Amino acid sequence: MNKYTPPNIVLLALFLCPLLVSCDAFPLRKPAGPVSTPLFNGENLDGWYADIPAADGGAEVPPSFVAEDGMLISKGNPQGHLITEGSYSNYQLVVEYRWLEEPGNCGILVHASTPRRLYKMFPQSIECQLYVGNAGDFWCIGENIEVDNMTQCRGNPDEWGVEEDQRRRILNLTDDSEKPAGEWNQMVIQCRDDTVVVFVNGDLVNFGYNCSASSGQIAIQAEGAPVQFRRIELSDLPTDITEG
């Protein structure tokens, strides 16, 4: 007895056969890697704004931050911050920087919020220190974070705090991760929920947890010494928290 094939099945088979043949000509491709988003476009400071106390009231002061030759430059003075217009959470931030002249002080702030929270200049945040010889230290600016060996890294617990004149510095884990003045350094900051992990030139230099903030703006300091930045880039977090 002949089997009956419904007309709609016949039509479906005629439609699929050419597609099945053509698929062999197009091999499967691997998915694209993590999406990266430059925060600095290499041309101007679009997406950022400066908060410079010395410019209050319309006072004329030289710019603390400029875009030159494809790089973002923190002039160091007048002191203040360059702050992203957007807020972010659960990201990896890659910053490549070098000291222009005599190395000195600067920092990258994550989870920034209330402006001028401390000393009428520093926004509420967790600072990832760039200060020469101390890259990767945490500074608590109105926000708190914990690390292992807290007493060793932060000192007397009775003095801990996040306000002015309290012990807000948490030392990093290494002493020799930075490159000499004039050479490019890379800092990778991974913000994952309530943790902040910092790598300098591939070395794990700090691992903080129980952070009191998990999102916010990102800021760059002008704090006395000129610094060049050639890369400031956000991307998805790696699967392995130990990858820098």
Protein backbone atom coordinates (compact mmCIF):
# COMPACT_ATOMS: atom_id res chain seq x y z
CA MET A 1 0.00 0.00 0.00
CA ASN A 2 1.38 3.42 -0.92
CA LYS A 3 1.90 5.85 1.98
CA TYR A 4 0.23 9.20 1.76
CA THR A 5 2.49 12.23 2.25
CA PRO A 6 0.63 15.44 3.09
CA PRO A 7 1.29 18.23 0.58
CA ASN A 8 2.63 20.58 3.28
CA ILE A 9 5.43 18.08 4.14
CA VAL A 10 6.44 17.89 0.51
CA LEU A 11 6.64 21.65 0.31
CA LEU A 12 8.70 21.80 3.52
CA ALA A 13 11.18 19.22 2.15
CA LEU A 14 11.56 21.15 -1.10
CA PHE A 15 12.23 24.32 0.93
CA LEU A 16 14.78 22.79 3.31
CA CYS A 17 16.89 20.81 0.84
CA PRO A 18 18.59 23.85 -0.76
CA LEU A 19 19.28 25.28 2.73
CA LEU A 20 20.86 22.03 3.91
CA VAL A 21 23.14 21.95 0.89
CA SER A 22 24.10 25.61 1.19
CA CYS A 23 24.97 25.29 4.91
CA ASP A 24 27.98 23.12 4.00
CA ALA A 25 29.49 26.10 2.21
CA PHE A 26 29.44 28.25 5.35
CA PRO A 27 31.39 26.67 8.24
CA LEU A 28 30.42 27.57 11.78
CA ARG A 29 32.28 30.54 13.25
CA LYS A 30 33.37 30.95 16.85
CA PRO A 31 31.45 33.57 18.80
CA ALA A 32 33.07 36.96 19.06
CA GLY A 33 35.14 37.70 22.17
CA PRO A 34 34.12 40.06 24.99
CA VAL A 35 32.87 43.40 23.78
CA SER A 36 35.25 46.28 24.61
CA THR A 37 34.16 49.89 24.90
CA PRO A 38 36.77 52.67 24.87
CA LEU A 39 35.97 55.34 27.45
CA PHE A 40 38.47 57.65 25.74
CA ASN A 41 38.04 58.08 21.99
CA GLY A 42 41.58 59.34 21.33
CA GLU A 43 40.38 62.71 20.07
CA ASN A 44 38.54 64.62 22.79
CA LEU A 45 36.97 64.29 26.22
CA ASP A 46 33.47 63.42 25.05
CA GLY A 47 31.70 61.31 27.69
CA TRP A 48 33.62 62.94 30.54
CA TYR A 49 33.34 66.11 32.60
CA ALA A 50 35.88 67.81 34.85
CA ASP A 51 35.29 68.76 38.48
CA ILE A 52 38.03 71.23 39.42
CA PRO A 53 37.46 73.20 42.65
CA ALA A 54 39.84 75.96 41.56
CA ALA A 55 37.49 76.70 38.64
CA ASP A 56 34.49 77.35 40.88
CA GLY A 57 32.67 80.60 40.23
CA GLY A 58 33.94 80.77 36.68
CA ALA A 59 37.56 81.33 37.66
CA GLU A 60 39.88 81.01 34.68
CA VAL A 61 42.35 78.19 35.22
CA PRO A 62 44.40 76.11 32.78
CA PRO A 63 42.80 72.78 31.88
CA SER A 64 43.66 69.90 34.18
CA PHE A 65 42.84 67.31 31.50
CA VAL A 66 43.46 67.46 27.75
CA ALA A 67 43.43 65.16 24.74
CA GLU A 68 46.68 65.39 22.76
CA ASP A 69 48.32 63.12 20.18
CA GLY A 70 45.78 60.37 20.73
CA MET A 71 46.29 60.36 24.50
CA LEU A 72 44.42 61.66 27.50
CA ILE A 73 46.72 63.69 29.73
CA SER A 74 46.16 64.52 33.37
CA LYS A 75 48.23 67.65 33.88
CA GLY A 76 48.30 67.14 37.63
CA ASN A 77 47.27 70.73 38.39
CA PRO A 78 44.91 72.38 39.11
CA GLN A 79 43.87 69.37 41.15
CA GLY A 80 40.53 67.69 40.64
CA HIS A 81 38.88 64.86 38.76
CA LEU A 82 37.76 63.86 35.29
CA ILE A 83 34.55 61.88 35.69
CA THR A 84 32.55 59.71 33.30
CA GLU A 85 29.05 60.87 32.48
CA GLY A 86 27.83 57.28 32.76
CA SER A 87 27.74 54.88 35.70
CA TYR A 88 28.88 51.26 35.48
CA SER A 89 28.77 47.94 37.32
CA ASN A 90 30.26 44.47 36.80
CA TYR A 91 33.02 45.35 34.36
CA GLN A 92 36.71 45.09 33.63
CA LEU A 93 38.57 48.38 33.20
CA VAL A 94 41.94 48.41 31.44
CA VAL A 95 44.09 51.53 31.86
CA GLU A 96 47.52 52.03 30.27
CA TYR A 97 49.49 54.95 31.68
CA ARG A 98 52.96 56.42 32.08
CA TRP A 99 54.46 59.32 33.97
CA LEU A 100 55.33 62.29 31.77
CA GLU A 101 57.95 63.88 34.00
CA GLU A 102 58.87 63.18 37.62
CA PRO A 103 56.59 60.33 38.79
CA GLY A 104 54.12 61.28 41.47
CA ASN A 105 50.50 60.95 42.47
CA CYS A 106 47.34 60.05 40.55
CA GLY A 107 44.56 57.49 40.85
CA ILE A 108 41.63 55.73 39.22
CA LEU A 109 38.36 55.93 41.14
CA VAL A 110 35.61 53.34 40.79
CA HIS A 111 32.02 53.38 42.11
CA ALA A 112 32.21 57.19 42.30
CA SER A 113 29.07 59.04 43.39
CA THR A 114 28.71 62.08 45.68
CA PRO A 115 31.05 64.82 44.41
CA ARG A 116 33.60 66.40 46.75
CA ARG A 117 32.77 63.96 49.53
CA LEU A 118 36.15 64.41 51.23
CA TYR A 119 38.37 67.45 51.61
CA LYS A 120 35.96 69.35 49.33
CA MET A 121 37.51 67.61 46.32
CA PHE A 122 37.39 63.78 46.30
CA PRO A 123 34.14 62.12 45.14
CA GLN A 124 32.78 59.25 47.21
CA SER A 125 34.45 56.16 45.74
CA ILE A 126 37.10 53.47 46.05
CA GLU A 127 40.42 54.71 44.72
CA CYS A 128 42.83 52.35 42.97
CA GLN A 129 46.10 54.15 43.56
CA LEU A 130 48.58 54.98 40.78
CA TYR A 131 51.00 56.83 43.09
CA VAL A 132 54.48 55.74 42.08
CA GLY A 133 55.68 52.81 44.18
CA ASN A 134 52.17 52.19 45.52
CA ALA A 135 50.13 51.29 42.45
CA GLY A 136 47.19 49.13 43.48
CA ASP A 137 46.68 50.44 47.02
CA PHE A 138 43.03 51.03 47.89
CA TRP A 139 41.91 54.32 49.39
CA CYS A 140 38.45 54.39 50.95
CA ILE A 141 36.72 57.67 50.11
CA GLY A 142 33.35 57.57 51.81
CA GLU A 143 33.04 53.90 50.76
CA ASN A 144 34.60 50.90 52.45
CA ILE A 145 36.22 47.68 51.26
CA GLU A 146 37.89 44.76 53.04
CA VAL A 147 40.89 42.56 52.26
CA ASP A 148 42.57 39.59 53.86
CA ASN A 149 45.09 40.48 56.58
CA MET A 150 43.30 43.74 57.25
CA THR A 151 45.41 44.72 60.25
CA GLN A 152 48.62 44.18 58.32
CA CYS A 153 47.35 46.11 55.29
CA ARG A 154 45.40 48.86 57.06
CA GLY A 155 46.93 49.25 60.49
CA ASN A 156 45.23 49.75 63.86
CA PRO A 157 41.53 48.77 63.58
CA ASP A 158 40.60 51.54 66.01
CA GLU A 159 41.70 54.04 63.37
CA TRP A 160 39.91 52.52 60.36
CA GLY A 161 37.30 54.65 58.64
CA VAL A 162 36.20 56.28 55.42
CA GLU A 163 36.17 59.90 56.57
CA GLU A 164 38.77 62.62 56.73
CA ASP A 165 41.71 61.94 59.07
CA GLN A 166 40.80 58.25 59.44
CA ARG A 167 42.92 55.34 58.25
CA ARG A 168 41.54 54.91 54.73
CA ARG A 169 44.56 53.39 52.96
CA ILE A 170 44.79 49.62 52.34
CA LEU A 171 48.23 48.52 51.15
CA ASN A 172 48.71 46.45 48.00
CA LEU A 173 50.29 42.99 47.85
CA THR A 174 53.49 43.63 45.87
CA ASP A 175 56.46 46.00 45.79
CA ASP A 176 57.90 45.53 42.30
CA SER A 177 55.04 45.41 39.81
CA GLU A 178 55.51 48.89 38.33
CA LYS A 179 57.77 49.75 35.39
CA PRO A 180 60.37 52.54 35.46
CA ALA A 181 59.34 56.12 34.79
CA GLY A 182 58.67 56.77 31.11
CA GLU A 183 57.55 53.21 30.39
CA TRP A 184 53.94 52.17 29.96
CA ASN A 185 52.14 50.45 32.82
CA GLN A 186 48.89 48.54 32.57
CA MET A 187 46.36 48.47 35.38
CA VAL A 188 43.39 46.11 35.13
CA ILE A 189 40.51 46.68 37.56
CA GLN A 190 37.76 44.08 37.82
CA CYS A 191 34.57 45.20 39.57
CA ARG A 192 32.35 42.20 40.20
CA ASP A 193 29.38 42.74 42.53
CA ASP A 194 30.99 43.70 45.88
CA THR A 195 34.57 42.79 44.92
CA VAL A 196 37.30 44.93 43.36
CA VAL A 197 40.39 43.15 42.02
CA VAL A 198 43.44 45.03 40.74
CA PHE A 199 46.30 43.83 38.54
CA VAL A 200 49.39 45.87 37.61
CA ASN A 201 51.40 44.65 34.63
CA GLY A 202 49.90 41.19 35.06
CA ASP A 203 50.54 40.91 38.81
CA LEU A 204 47.63 40.55 41.22
CA VAL A 205 48.20 43.53 43.51
CA ASN A 206 44.95 43.81 45.48
CA PHE A 207 41.77 41.83 46.11
CA GLY A 208 38.99 43.57 47.97
CA TYR A 209 35.56 42.31 48.94
CA ASN A 210 32.47 43.37 50.90
CA CYS A 211 32.70 46.71 49.14
CA SER A 212 29.99 49.11 50.31
CA ALA A 213 29.24 50.09 46.68
CA SER A 214 28.88 47.98 43.55
CA SER A 215 28.28 50.59 40.86
CA GLY A 216 29.02 54.19 40.02
CA GLN A 217 31.04 56.51 37.84
CA ILE A 218 34.71 56.17 36.98
CA ALA A 219 37.11 59.04 37.60
CA ILE A 220 40.73 59.98 36.89
CA GLN A 221 42.61 62.25 39.25
CA ALA A 222 44.72 65.28 38.68
CA GLU A 223 46.79 65.18 41.86
CA GLY A 224 50.08 66.90 41.29
CA ALA A 225 51.98 64.94 38.60
CA PRO A 226 51.40 64.80 34.81
CA VAL A 227 50.30 61.38 33.52
CA GLN A 228 49.59 60.13 30.00
CA PHE A 229 46.83 57.60 29.32
CA ARG A 230 46.78 55.82 25.97
CA ARG A 231 44.04 53.31 26.78
CA ILE A 232 40.99 53.53 29.02
CA GLU A 233 38.69 50.70 28.06
CA LEU A 234 35.76 48.79 29.51
CA SER A 235 34.99 45.16 28.71
CA ASP A 236 33.03 42.20 30.01
CA LEU A 237 34.41 40.44 33.07
CA PRO A 238 36.47 37.32 32.41
CA THR A 239 35.06 34.03 33.67
CA ASP A 240 38.11 33.45 35.88
CA ILE A 241 38.47 36.14 38.52
CA THR A 242 42.24 35.52 38.65
CA GLU A 243 42.80 36.55 35.02
CA GLY A 244 44.46 39.92 34.59
